[in-house]
Amino acid sequence: KTDTVQLLNKVTIKNVANGQTMTYTIVSENEANLKERKIAIST
């Protein structure tokens, strides 16, 4: 579902201080890969 952020969601966030936006997919630890913009749920 996409009503709230959960594992395997792609989330676009904006840094309020500088307005920069970033998109990450939240994945399990073993699938994390910053080059692919996949961050571990434990971060």
PDB file of all heavy atoms in Angstrom:
ATOM      1  N   LYS A   1       0.847  -1.185   0.000  1.00  0.00           N
ATOM      2  CA  LYS A   1       0.000   0.000   0.000  1.00  0.00           C
ATOM      3  C   LYS A   1       0.887   1.242   0.000  1.00  0.00           C
ATOM      4  O   LYS A   1       2.060   1.171   0.347  1.00  0.00           O
ATOM      5  CB  LYS A   1      -0.907  -0.009   1.226  1.00  0.00           C
ATOM      6  CG  LYS A   1      -1.927  -1.138   1.220  1.00  0.00           C
ATOM      7  CD  LYS A   1      -2.810  -1.044   2.452  1.00  0.00           C
ATOM      8  CE  LYS A   1      -3.993  -1.939   2.409  1.00  0.00           C
ATOM      9  NZ  LYS A   1      -3.843  -3.319   2.370  1.00  0.00           N
ATOM     10  N   THR A   2       0.282   2.379  -0.360  1.00  0.00           N
ATOM     11  CA  THR A   2       1.047   3.621  -0.398  1.00  0.00           C
ATOM     12  C   THR A   2       0.419   4.714   0.466  1.00  0.00           C
ATOM     13  O   THR A   2       0.743   5.875   0.316  1.00  0.00           O
ATOM     14  CB  THR A   2       1.188   4.126  -1.845  1.00  0.00           C
ATOM     15  OG1 THR A   2      -0.115   4.309  -2.393  1.00  0.00           O
ATOM     16  CG2 THR A   2       1.988   3.173  -2.700  1.00  0.00           C
ATOM     17  N   ASP A   3      -0.490   4.339   1.377  1.00  0.00           N
ATOM     18  CA  ASP A   3      -1.088   5.361   2.239  1.00  0.00           C
ATOM     19  C   ASP A   3      -0.097   5.828   3.307  1.00  0.00           C
ATOM     20  O   ASP A   3      -0.106   6.983   3.709  1.00  0.00           O
ATOM     21  CB  ASP A   3      -2.411   4.881   2.853  1.00  0.00           C
ATOM     22  CG  ASP A   3      -2.310   3.515   3.516  1.00  0.00           C
ATOM     23  OD1 ASP A   3      -1.355   2.775   3.215  1.00  0.00           O
ATOM     24  OD2 ASP A   3      -3.188   3.187   4.324  1.00  0.00           O
ATOM     25  N   THR A   4       0.762   4.938   3.767  1.00  0.00           N
ATOM     26  CA  THR A   4       1.860   5.315   4.667  1.00  0.00           C
ATOM     27  C   THR A   4       3.128   4.631   4.165  1.00  0.00           C
ATOM     28  O   THR A   4       3.070   3.645   3.439  1.00  0.00           O
ATOM     29  CB  THR A   4       1.600   4.861   6.123  1.00  0.00           C
ATOM     30  OG1 THR A   4       1.483   3.443   6.154  1.00  0.00           O
ATOM     31  CG2 THR A   4       0.355   5.516   6.715  1.00  0.00           C
ATOM     32  N   VAL A   5       4.261   5.173   4.581  1.00  0.00           N
ATOM     33  CA  VAL A   5       5.552   4.624   4.159  1.00  0.00           C
ATOM     34  C   VAL A   5       5.761   3.262   4.824  1.00  0.00           C
ATOM     35  O   VAL A   5       5.561   3.108   6.021  1.00  0.00           O
ATOM     36  CB  VAL A   5       6.703   5.576   4.545  1.00  0.00           C
ATOM     37  CG1 VAL A   5       8.047   4.968   4.166  1.00  0.00           C
ATOM     38  CG2 VAL A   5       6.527   6.937   3.883  1.00  0.00           C
ATOM     39  N   GLN A   6       6.148   2.274   4.010  1.00  0.00           N
ATOM     40  CA  GLN A   6       6.443   0.938   4.507  1.00  0.00           C
ATOM     41  C   GLN A   6       7.547   0.316   3.669  1.00  0.00           C
ATOM     42  O   GLN A   6       7.973   0.883   2.664  1.00  0.00           O
ATOM     43  CB  GLN A   6       5.189   0.067   4.502  1.00  0.00           C
ATOM     44  CG  GLN A   6       4.588  -0.134   3.124  1.00  0.00           C
ATOM     45  CD  GLN A   6       3.310  -0.969   3.155  1.00  0.00           C
ATOM     46  OE1 GLN A   6       2.985  -1.577   4.145  1.00  0.00           O
ATOM     47  NE2 GLN A   6       2.606  -0.999   2.049  1.00  0.00           N
ATOM     48  N   LEU A   7       7.991  -0.862   4.093  1.00  0.00           N
ATOM     49  CA  LEU A   7       9.018  -1.594   3.377  1.00  0.00           C
ATOM     50  C   LEU A   7       8.622  -1.756   1.916  1.00  0.00           C
ATOM     51  O   LEU A   7       7.460  -2.017   1.615  1.00  0.00           O
ATOM     52  CB  LEU A   7       9.206  -2.975   4.032  1.00  0.00           C
ATOM     53  CG  LEU A   7      10.353  -3.837   3.531  1.00  0.00           C
ATOM     54  CD1 LEU A   7      11.689  -3.201   3.895  1.00  0.00           C
ATOM     55  CD2 LEU A   7      10.275  -5.226   4.133  1.00  0.00           C
ATOM     56  N   LEU A   8       9.562  -1.548   1.022  1.00  0.00           N
ATOM     57  CA  LEU A   8       9.444  -1.653  -0.437  1.00  0.00           C
ATOM     58  C   LEU A   8       8.740  -0.467  -1.092  1.00  0.00           C
ATOM     59  O   LEU A   8       8.557  -0.470  -2.299  1.00  0.00           O
ATOM     60  CB  LEU A   8       8.780  -2.967  -0.875  1.00  0.00           C
ATOM     61  CG  LEU A   8       9.553  -4.220  -0.501  1.00  0.00           C
ATOM     62  CD1 LEU A   8       8.895  -5.454  -1.099  1.00  0.00           C
ATOM     63  CD2 LEU A   8      11.000  -4.150  -0.963  1.00  0.00           C
ATOM     64  N   ASN A   9       8.369   0.542  -0.315  1.00  0.00           N
ATOM     65  CA  ASN A   9       7.825   1.749  -0.932  1.00  0.00           C
ATOM     66  C   ASN A   9       8.962   2.592  -1.476  1.00  0.00           C
ATOM     67  O   ASN A   9      10.059   2.624  -0.931  1.00  0.00           O
ATOM     68  CB  ASN A   9       7.045   2.605   0.068  1.00  0.00           C
ATOM     69  CG  ASN A   9       5.649   2.106   0.351  1.00  0.00           C
ATOM     70  OD1 ASN A   9       5.121   2.363   1.413  1.00  0.00           O
ATOM     71  ND2 ASN A   9       5.032   1.408  -0.572  1.00  0.00           N
ATOM     72  N   LYS A  10       8.664   3.295  -2.564  1.00  0.00           N
ATOM     73  CA  LYS A  10       9.552   4.315  -3.099  1.00  0.00           C
ATOM     74  C   LYS A  10       9.049   5.623  -2.508  1.00  0.00           C
ATOM     75  O   LYS A  10       7.865   5.942  -2.635  1.00  0.00           O
ATOM     76  CB  LYS A  10       9.483   4.331  -4.626  1.00  0.00           C
ATOM     77  CG  LYS A  10      10.505   5.247  -5.264  1.00  0.00           C
ATOM     78  CD  LYS A  10      10.410   5.205  -6.772  1.00  0.00           C
ATOM     79  CE  LYS A  10      11.027   3.915  -7.271  1.00  0.00           C
ATOM     80  NZ  LYS A  10      11.184   3.884  -8.719  1.00  0.00           N
ATOM     81  N   VAL A  11       9.914   6.366  -1.841  1.00  0.00           N
ATOM     82  CA  VAL A  11       9.514   7.578  -1.139  1.00  0.00           C
ATOM     83  C   VAL A  11      10.316   8.760  -1.667  1.00  0.00           C
ATOM     84  O   VAL A  11      11.544   8.713  -1.702  1.00  0.00           O
ATOM     85  CB  VAL A  11       9.752   7.443   0.385  1.00  0.00           C
ATOM     86  CG1 VAL A  11       9.237   8.659   1.121  1.00  0.00           C
ATOM     87  CG2 VAL A  11       9.133   6.179   0.927  1.00  0.00           C
ATOM     88  N   THR A  12       9.611   9.811  -2.071  1.00  0.00           N
ATOM     89  CA  THR A  12      10.266  11.052  -2.470  1.00  0.00           C
ATOM     90  C   THR A  12      10.142  12.009  -1.293  1.00  0.00           C
ATOM     91  O   THR A  12       9.036  12.270  -0.808  1.00  0.00           O
ATOM     92  CB  THR A  12       9.616  11.655  -3.727  1.00  0.00           C
ATOM     93  OG1 THR A  12       9.720  10.701  -4.788  1.00  0.00           O
ATOM     94  CG2 THR A  12      10.315  12.937  -4.154  1.00  0.00           C
ATOM     95  N   ILE A  13      11.299  12.485  -0.831  1.00  0.00           N
ATOM     96  CA  ILE A  13      11.321  13.407   0.303  1.00  0.00           C
ATOM     97  C   ILE A  13      12.033  14.693  -0.102  1.00  0.00           C
ATOM     98  O   ILE A  13      12.864  14.691  -1.014  1.00  0.00           O
ATOM     99  CB  ILE A  13      12.022  12.785   1.537  1.00  0.00           C
ATOM    100  CG1 ILE A  13      13.437  12.305   1.184  1.00  0.00           C
ATOM    101  CG2 ILE A  13      11.188  11.666   2.121  1.00  0.00           C
ATOM    102  CD1 ILE A  13      14.234  11.771   2.374  1.00  0.00           C
ATOM    103  N   LYS A  14      11.664  15.774   0.574  1.00  0.00           N
ATOM    104  CA  LYS A  14      12.301  17.064   0.315  1.00  0.00           C
ATOM    105  C   LYS A  14      12.986  17.520   1.593  1.00  0.00           C
ATOM    106  O   LYS A  14      12.378  17.512   2.669  1.00  0.00           O
ATOM    107  CB  LYS A  14      11.262  18.097  -0.121  1.00  0.00           C
ATOM    108  CG  LYS A  14      11.860  19.486  -0.386  1.00  0.00           C
ATOM    109  CD  LYS A  14      10.870  20.435  -1.023  1.00  0.00           C
ATOM    110  CE  LYS A  14       9.879  20.929   0.022  1.00  0.00           C
ATOM    111  NZ  LYS A  14       8.981  21.977  -0.492  1.00  0.00           N
ATOM    112  N   ASN A  15      14.234  17.911   1.467  1.00  0.00           N
ATOM    113  CA  ASN A  15      14.966  18.491   2.577  1.00  0.00           C
ATOM    114  C   ASN A  15      14.401  19.893   2.771  1.00  0.00           C
ATOM    115  O   ASN A  15      14.546  20.751   1.917  1.00  0.00           O
ATOM    116  CB  ASN A  15      16.460  18.523   2.254  1.00  0.00           C
ATOM    117  CG  ASN A  15      17.299  19.084   3.379  1.00  0.00           C
ATOM    118  OD1 ASN A  15      16.868  19.936   4.141  1.00  0.00           O
ATOM    119  ND2 ASN A  15      18.530  18.591   3.457  1.00  0.00           N
ATOM    120  N   VAL A  16      13.746  20.136   3.902  1.00  0.00           N
ATOM    121  CA  VAL A  16      13.074  21.414   4.146  1.00  0.00           C
ATOM    122  C   VAL A  16      14.074  22.566   4.169  1.00  0.00           C
ATOM    123  O   VAL A  16      13.772  23.666   3.711  1.00  0.00           O
ATOM    124  CB  VAL A  16      12.241  21.344   5.456  1.00  0.00           C
ATOM    125  CG1 VAL A  16      11.681  22.693   5.832  1.00  0.00           C
ATOM    126  CG2 VAL A  16      11.128  20.318   5.311  1.00  0.00           C
ATOM    127  N   ALA A  17      15.290  22.335   4.652  1.00  0.00           N
ATOM    128  CA  ALA A  17      16.294  23.394   4.770  1.00  0.00           C
ATOM    129  C   ALA A  17      16.770  23.926   3.423  1.00  0.00           C
ATOM    130  O   ALA A  17      16.922  25.129   3.234  1.00  0.00           O
ATOM    131  CB  ALA A  17      17.486  22.902   5.589  1.00  0.00           C
ATOM    132  N   ASN A  18      16.994  23.028   2.446  1.00  0.00           N
ATOM    133  CA  ASN A  18      17.556  23.486   1.170  1.00  0.00           C
ATOM    134  C   ASN A  18      16.660  23.203  -0.038  1.00  0.00           C
ATOM    135  O   ASN A  18      17.013  23.537  -1.164  1.00  0.00           O
ATOM    136  CB  ASN A  18      18.955  22.899   0.943  1.00  0.00           C
ATOM    137  CG  ASN A  18      18.944  21.391   0.817  1.00  0.00           C
ATOM    138  OD1 ASN A  18      17.919  20.767   0.584  1.00  0.00           O
ATOM    139  ND2 ASN A  18      20.123  20.797   0.968  1.00  0.00           N
ATOM    140  N   GLY A  19      15.528  22.559   0.168  1.00  0.00           N
ATOM    141  CA  GLY A  19      14.585  22.306  -0.929  1.00  0.00           C
ATOM    142  C   GLY A  19      14.969  21.155  -1.847  1.00  0.00           C
ATOM    143  O   GLY A  19      14.265  20.862  -2.809  1.00  0.00           O
ATOM    144  N   GLN A  20      16.069  20.491  -1.562  1.00  0.00           N
ATOM    145  CA  GLN A  20      16.526  19.374  -2.407  1.00  0.00           C
ATOM    146  C   GLN A  20      15.606  18.167  -2.216  1.00  0.00           C
ATOM    147  O   GLN A  20      15.247  17.817  -1.099  1.00  0.00           O
ATOM    148  CB  GLN A  20      17.959  19.004  -2.041  1.00  0.00           C
ATOM    149  CG  GLN A  20      18.535  17.873  -2.873  1.00  0.00           C
ATOM    150  CD  GLN A  20      19.948  17.504  -2.431  1.00  0.00           C
ATOM    151  OE1 GLN A  20      20.471  18.012  -1.441  1.00  0.00           O
ATOM    152  NE2 GLN A  20      20.557  16.597  -3.169  1.00  0.00           N
ATOM    153  N   THR A  21      15.221  17.525  -3.337  1.00  0.00           N
ATOM    154  CA  THR A  21      14.389  16.327  -3.237  1.00  0.00           C
ATOM    155  C   THR A  21      15.230  15.092  -3.567  1.00  0.00           C
ATOM    156  O   THR A  21      16.169  15.159  -4.371  1.00  0.00           O
ATOM    157  CB  THR A  21      13.166  16.371  -4.170  1.00  0.00           C
ATOM    158  OG1 THR A  21      13.613  16.463  -5.515  1.00  0.00           O
ATOM    159  CG2 THR A  21      12.252  17.539  -3.836  1.00  0.00           C
ATOM    160  N   MET A  22      14.863  13.982  -2.921  1.00  0.00           N
ATOM    161  CA  MET A  22      15.544  12.707  -3.117  1.00  0.00           C
ATOM    162  C   MET A  22      14.485  11.620  -3.123  1.00  0.00           C
ATOM    163  O   MET A  22      13.472  11.753  -2.435  1.00  0.00           O
ATOM    164  CB  MET A  22      16.524  12.428  -1.977  1.00  0.00           C
ATOM    165  CG  MET A  22      17.605  13.468  -1.807  1.00  0.00           C
ATOM    166  SD  MET A  22      18.172  13.554  -0.091  1.00  0.00           S
ATOM    167  CE  MET A  22      16.964  14.656   0.601  1.00  0.00           C
ATOM    168  N   THR A  23      14.721  10.586  -3.891  1.00  0.00           N
ATOM    169  CA  THR A  23      13.807   9.451  -3.912  1.00  0.00           C
ATOM    170  C   THR A  23      14.579   8.197  -3.535  1.00  0.00           C
ATOM    171  O   THR A  23      15.639   7.915  -4.095  1.00  0.00           O
ATOM    172  CB  THR A  23      13.166   9.283  -5.308  1.00  0.00           C
ATOM    173  OG1 THR A  23      12.480  10.488  -5.633  1.00  0.00           O
ATOM    174  CG2 THR A  23      12.192   8.123  -5.327  1.00  0.00           C
ATOM    175  N   TYR A  24      14.040   7.472  -2.555  1.00  0.00           N
ATOM    176  CA  TYR A  24      14.651   6.228  -2.087  1.00  0.00           C
ATOM    177  C   TYR A  24      13.608   5.131  -2.054  1.00  0.00           C
ATOM    178  O   TYR A  24      12.426   5.389  -1.831  1.00  0.00           O
ATOM    179  CB  TYR A  24      15.210   6.381  -0.662  1.00  0.00           C
ATOM    180  CG  TYR A  24      16.325   7.378  -0.532  1.00  0.00           C
ATOM    181  CD1 TYR A  24      16.114   8.588   0.115  1.00  0.00           C
ATOM    182  CD2 TYR A  24      17.590   7.107  -1.026  1.00  0.00           C
ATOM    183  CE1 TYR A  24      17.138   9.514   0.250  1.00  0.00           C
ATOM    184  CE2 TYR A  24      18.619   8.030  -0.898  1.00  0.00           C
ATOM    185  CZ  TYR A  24      18.381   9.230  -0.253  1.00  0.00           C
ATOM    186  OH  TYR A  24      19.401  10.130  -0.120  1.00  0.00           O
ATOM    187  N   THR A  25      14.059   3.910  -2.237  1.00  0.00           N
ATOM    188  CA  THR A  25      13.216   2.747  -2.006  1.00  0.00           C
ATOM    189  C   THR A  25      13.694   2.133  -0.697  1.00  0.00           C
ATOM    190  O   THR A  25      14.893   1.928  -0.501  1.00  0.00           O
ATOM    191  CB  THR A  25      13.342   1.722  -3.149  1.00  0.00           C
ATOM    192  OG1 THR A  25      12.980   2.359  -4.379  1.00  0.00           O
ATOM    193  CG2 THR A  25      12.433   0.522  -2.908  1.00  0.00           C
ATOM    194  N   ILE A  26      12.750   1.839   0.193  1.00  0.00           N
ATOM    195  CA  ILE A  26      13.096   1.259   1.492  1.00  0.00           C
ATOM    196  C   ILE A  26      13.078  -0.260   1.347  1.00  0.00           C
ATOM    197  O   ILE A  26      12.062  -0.839   0.957  1.00  0.00           O
ATOM    198  CB  ILE A  26      12.123   1.739   2.580  1.00  0.00           C
ATOM    199  CG1 ILE A  26      12.220   3.265   2.696  1.00  0.00           C
ATOM    200  CG2 ILE A  26      12.437   1.062   3.913  1.00  0.00           C
ATOM    201  CD1 ILE A  26      11.231   3.889   3.639  1.00  0.00           C
ATOM    202  N   VAL A  27      14.221  -0.876   1.626  1.00  0.00           N
ATOM    203  CA  VAL A  27      14.390  -2.318   1.416  1.00  0.00           C
ATOM    204  C   VAL A  27      14.978  -2.971   2.664  1.00  0.00           C
ATOM    205  O   VAL A  27      15.364  -2.296   3.611  1.00  0.00           O
ATOM    206  CB  VAL A  27      15.305  -2.595   0.200  1.00  0.00           C
ATOM    207  CG1 VAL A  27      14.696  -2.075  -1.103  1.00  0.00           C
ATOM    208  CG2 VAL A  27      16.687  -1.986   0.399  1.00  0.00           C
ATOM    209  N   SER A  28      15.065  -4.304   2.650  1.00  0.00           N
ATOM    210  CA  SER A  28      15.706  -5.028   3.749  1.00  0.00           C
ATOM    211  C   SER A  28      17.213  -4.762   3.714  1.00  0.00           C
ATOM    212  O   SER A  28      17.746  -4.305   2.702  1.00  0.00           O
ATOM    213  CB  SER A  28      15.418  -6.523   3.626  1.00  0.00           C
ATOM    214  OG  SER A  28      15.984  -7.023   2.436  1.00  0.00           O
ATOM    215  N   GLU A  29      17.890  -5.067   4.818  1.00  0.00           N
ATOM    216  CA  GLU A  29      19.321  -4.783   4.932  1.00  0.00           C
ATOM    217  C   GLU A  29      20.138  -5.407   3.811  1.00  0.00           C
ATOM    218  O   GLU A  29      21.026  -4.784   3.264  1.00  0.00           O
ATOM    219  CB  GLU A  29      19.863  -5.278   6.287  1.00  0.00           C
ATOM    220  CG  GLU A  29      19.507  -4.412   7.465  1.00  0.00           C
ATOM    221  CD  GLU A  29      18.060  -4.551   7.925  1.00  0.00           C
ATOM    222  OE1 GLU A  29      17.365  -5.511   7.509  1.00  0.00           O
ATOM    223  OE2 GLU A  29      17.607  -3.697   8.692  1.00  0.00           O
ATOM    224  N   ASN A  30      19.815  -6.636   3.455  1.00  0.00           N
ATOM    225  CA  ASN A  30      20.628  -7.338   2.455  1.00  0.00           C
ATOM    226  C   ASN A  30      20.393  -6.851   1.032  1.00  0.00           C
ATOM    227  O   ASN A  30      21.146  -7.194   0.127  1.00  0.00           O
ATOM    228  CB  ASN A  30      20.404  -8.852   2.542  1.00  0.00           C
ATOM    229  CG  ASN A  30      18.968  -9.243   2.283  1.00  0.00           C
ATOM    230  OD1 ASN A  30      18.065  -8.748   2.945  1.00  0.00           O
ATOM    231  ND2 ASN A  30      18.752 -10.122   1.333  1.00  0.00           N
ATOM    232  N   GLU A  31      19.367  -6.035   0.796  1.00  0.00           N
ATOM    233  CA  GLU A  31      19.115  -5.517  -0.541  1.00  0.00           C
ATOM    234  C   GLU A  31      19.516  -4.053  -0.686  1.00  0.00           C
ATOM    235  O   GLU A  31      19.406  -3.483  -1.763  1.00  0.00           O
ATOM    236  CB  GLU A  31      17.629  -5.675  -0.901  1.00  0.00           C
ATOM    237  CG  GLU A  31      17.212  -7.124  -1.041  1.00  0.00           C
ATOM    238  CD  GLU A  31      15.760  -7.274  -1.467  1.00  0.00           C
ATOM    239  OE1 GLU A  31      15.454  -6.959  -2.636  1.00  0.00           O
ATOM    240  OE2 GLU A  31      14.940  -7.692  -0.632  1.00  0.00           O
ATOM    241  N   ALA A  32      19.985  -3.436   0.397  1.00  0.00           N
ATOM    242  CA  ALA A  32      20.356  -2.019   0.359  1.00  0.00           C
ATOM    243  C   ALA A  32      21.498  -1.791  -0.626  1.00  0.00           C
ATOM    244  O   ALA A  32      22.432  -2.576  -0.711  1.00  0.00           O
ATOM    245  CB  ALA A  32      20.751  -1.548   1.751  1.00  0.00           C
ATOM    246  N   ASN A  33      21.385  -0.699  -1.386  1.00  0.00           N
ATOM    247  CA  ASN A  33      22.406  -0.341  -2.365  1.00  0.00           C
ATOM    248  C   ASN A  33      22.212   1.138  -2.671  1.00  0.00           C
ATOM    249  O   ASN A  33      21.294   1.513  -3.406  1.00  0.00           O
ATOM    250  CB  ASN A  33      22.259  -1.192  -3.628  1.00  0.00           C
ATOM    251  CG  ASN A  33      23.320  -0.884  -4.651  1.00  0.00           C
ATOM    252  OD1 ASN A  33      23.901   0.204  -4.674  1.00  0.00           O
ATOM    253  ND2 ASN A  33      23.579  -1.838  -5.520  1.00  0.00           N
ATOM    254  N   LEU A  34      23.065   1.977  -2.106  1.00  0.00           N
ATOM    255  CA  LEU A  34      22.885   3.417  -2.243  1.00  0.00           C
ATOM    256  C   LEU A  34      22.976   3.886  -3.694  1.00  0.00           C
ATOM    257  O   LEU A  34      22.284   4.818  -4.080  1.00  0.00           O
ATOM    258  CB  LEU A  34      23.897   4.158  -1.371  1.00  0.00           C
ATOM    259  CG  LEU A  34      23.477   5.529  -0.876  1.00  0.00           C
ATOM    260  CD1 LEU A  34      22.084   5.531  -0.271  1.00  0.00           C
ATOM    261  CD2 LEU A  34      24.480   6.077   0.112  1.00  0.00           C
ATOM    262  N   LYS A  35      23.795   3.208  -4.498  1.00  0.00           N
ATOM    263  CA  LYS A  35      23.896   3.584  -5.919  1.00  0.00           C
ATOM    264  C   LYS A  35      22.552   3.419  -6.631  1.00  0.00           C
ATOM    265  O   LYS A  35      22.237   4.161  -7.559  1.00  0.00           O
ATOM    266  CB  LYS A  35      24.957   2.736  -6.629  1.00  0.00           C
ATOM    267  CG  LYS A  35      26.368   3.105  -6.269  1.00  0.00           C
ATOM    268  CD  LYS A  35      27.358   2.230  -7.016  1.00  0.00           C
ATOM    269  CE  LYS A  35      28.760   2.490  -6.516  1.00  0.00           C
ATOM    270  NZ  LYS A  35      29.710   1.488  -6.973  1.00  0.00           N
ATOM    271  N   GLU A  36      21.777   2.425  -6.202  1.00  0.00           N
ATOM    272  CA  GLU A  36      20.453   2.191  -6.786  1.00  0.00           C
ATOM    273  C   GLU A  36      19.361   2.927  -6.009  1.00  0.00           C
ATOM    274  O   GLU A  36      18.177   2.715  -6.249  1.00  0.00           O
ATOM    275  CB  GLU A  36      20.150   0.684  -6.799  1.00  0.00           C
ATOM    276  CG  GLU A  36      21.075  -0.108  -7.689  1.00  0.00           C
ATOM    277  CD  GLU A  36      20.815  -1.610  -7.616  1.00  0.00           C
ATOM    278  OE1 GLU A  36      19.804  -2.036  -7.012  1.00  0.00           O
ATOM    279  OE2 GLU A  36      21.632  -2.366  -8.175  1.00  0.00           O
ATOM    280  N   ARG A  37      19.775   3.777  -5.051  1.00  0.00           N
ATOM    281  CA  ARG A  37      18.854   4.558  -4.215  1.00  0.00           C
ATOM    282  C   ARG A  37      17.944   3.653  -3.382  1.00  0.00           C
ATOM    283  O   ARG A  37      16.783   3.942  -3.170  1.00  0.00           O
ATOM    284  CB  ARG A  37      18.044   5.546  -5.026  1.00  0.00           C
ATOM    285  CG  ARG A  37      18.943   6.313  -5.969  1.00  0.00           C
ATOM    286  CD  ARG A  37      19.020   7.697  -6.158  1.00  0.00           C
ATOM    287  NE  ARG A  37      18.715   8.927  -5.641  1.00  0.00           N
ATOM    288  CZ  ARG A  37      19.449   9.621  -4.772  1.00  0.00           C
ATOM    289  NH1 ARG A  37      20.462   9.062  -4.189  1.00  0.00           N
ATOM    290  NH2 ARG A  37      19.170  10.853  -4.454  1.00  0.00           N
ATOM    291  N   LYS A  38      18.508   2.538  -2.914  1.00  0.00           N
ATOM    292  CA  LYS A  38      17.792   1.611  -2.041  1.00  0.00           C
ATOM    293  C   LYS A  38      18.428   1.706  -0.660  1.00  0.00           C
ATOM    294  O   LYS A  38      19.612   1.407  -0.508  1.00  0.00           O
ATOM    295  CB  LYS A  38      17.894   0.170  -2.560  1.00  0.00           C
ATOM    296  CG  LYS A  38      17.200  -0.051  -3.880  1.00  0.00           C
ATOM    297  CD  LYS A  38      17.375  -1.486  -4.347  1.00  0.00           C
ATOM    298  CE  LYS A  38      16.639  -1.729  -5.656  1.00  0.00           C
ATOM    299  NZ  LYS A  38      16.800  -3.119  -6.097  1.00  0.00           N
ATOM    300  N   ILE A  39      17.619   2.138   0.326  1.00  0.00           N
ATOM    301  CA  ILE A  39      18.156   2.261   1.685  1.00  0.00           C
ATOM    302  C   ILE A  39      17.526   1.209   2.592  1.00  0.00           C
ATOM    303  O   ILE A  39      16.354   0.871   2.444  1.00  0.00           O
ATOM    304  CB  ILE A  39      17.963   3.684   2.266  1.00  0.00           C
ATOM    305  CG1 ILE A  39      16.493   4.078   2.345  1.00  0.00           C
ATOM    306  CG2 ILE A  39      18.789   4.695   1.487  1.00  0.00           C
ATOM    307  CD1 ILE A  39      16.230   5.386   3.081  1.00  0.00           C
ATOM    308  N   ALA A  40      18.336   0.728   3.517  1.00  0.00           N
ATOM    309  CA  ALA A  40      17.878  -0.313   4.446  1.00  0.00           C
ATOM    310  C   ALA A  40      16.866   0.258   5.423  1.00  0.00           C
ATOM    311  O   ALA A  40      16.971   1.399   5.856  1.00  0.00           O
ATOM    312  CB  ALA A  40      19.064  -0.903   5.203  1.00  0.00           C
ATOM    313  N   ILE A  41      15.898  -0.559   5.760  1.00  0.00           N
ATOM    314  CA  ILE A  41      14.847  -0.157   6.690  1.00  0.00           C
ATOM    315  C   ILE A  41      15.416   0.175   8.064  1.00  0.00           C
ATOM    316  O   ILE A  41      14.794   0.871   8.858  1.00  0.00           O
ATOM    317  CB  ILE A  41      13.733  -1.226   6.775  1.00  0.00           C
ATOM    318  CG1 ILE A  41      12.506  -0.641   7.467  1.00  0.00           C
ATOM    319  CG2 ILE A  41      14.239  -2.488   7.441  1.00  0.00           C
ATOM    320  CD1 ILE A  41      11.216  -1.270   7.067  1.00  0.00           C
ATOM    321  N   SER A  42      16.632  -0.290   8.356  1.00  0.00           N
ATOM    322  CA  SER A  42      17.261  -0.038   9.651  1.00  0.00           C
ATOM    323  C   SER A  42      17.996   1.298   9.715  1.00  0.00           C
ATOM    324  O   SER A  42      18.471   1.682  10.779  1.00  0.00           O
ATOM    325  CB  SER A  42      18.236  -1.169   9.975  1.00  0.00           C
ATOM    326  OG  SER A  42      19.237  -1.229   8.985  1.00  0.00           O
ATOM    327  N   THR A  43      18.094   2.035   8.598  1.00  0.00           N
ATOM    328  CA  THR A  43      18.794   3.317   8.602  1.00  0.00           C
ATOM    329  C   THR A  43      17.953   4.376   9.309  1.00  0.00           C
ATOM    330  O   THR A  43      16.725   4.279   9.353  1.00  0.00           O
ATOM    331  CB  THR A  43      19.101   3.804   7.166  1.00  0.00           C
ATOM    332  OG1 THR A  43      17.865   3.992   6.477  1.00  0.00           O
ATOM    333  CG2 THR A  43      19.987   2.811   6.422  1.00  0.00           C
TER     334      THR A  43
END
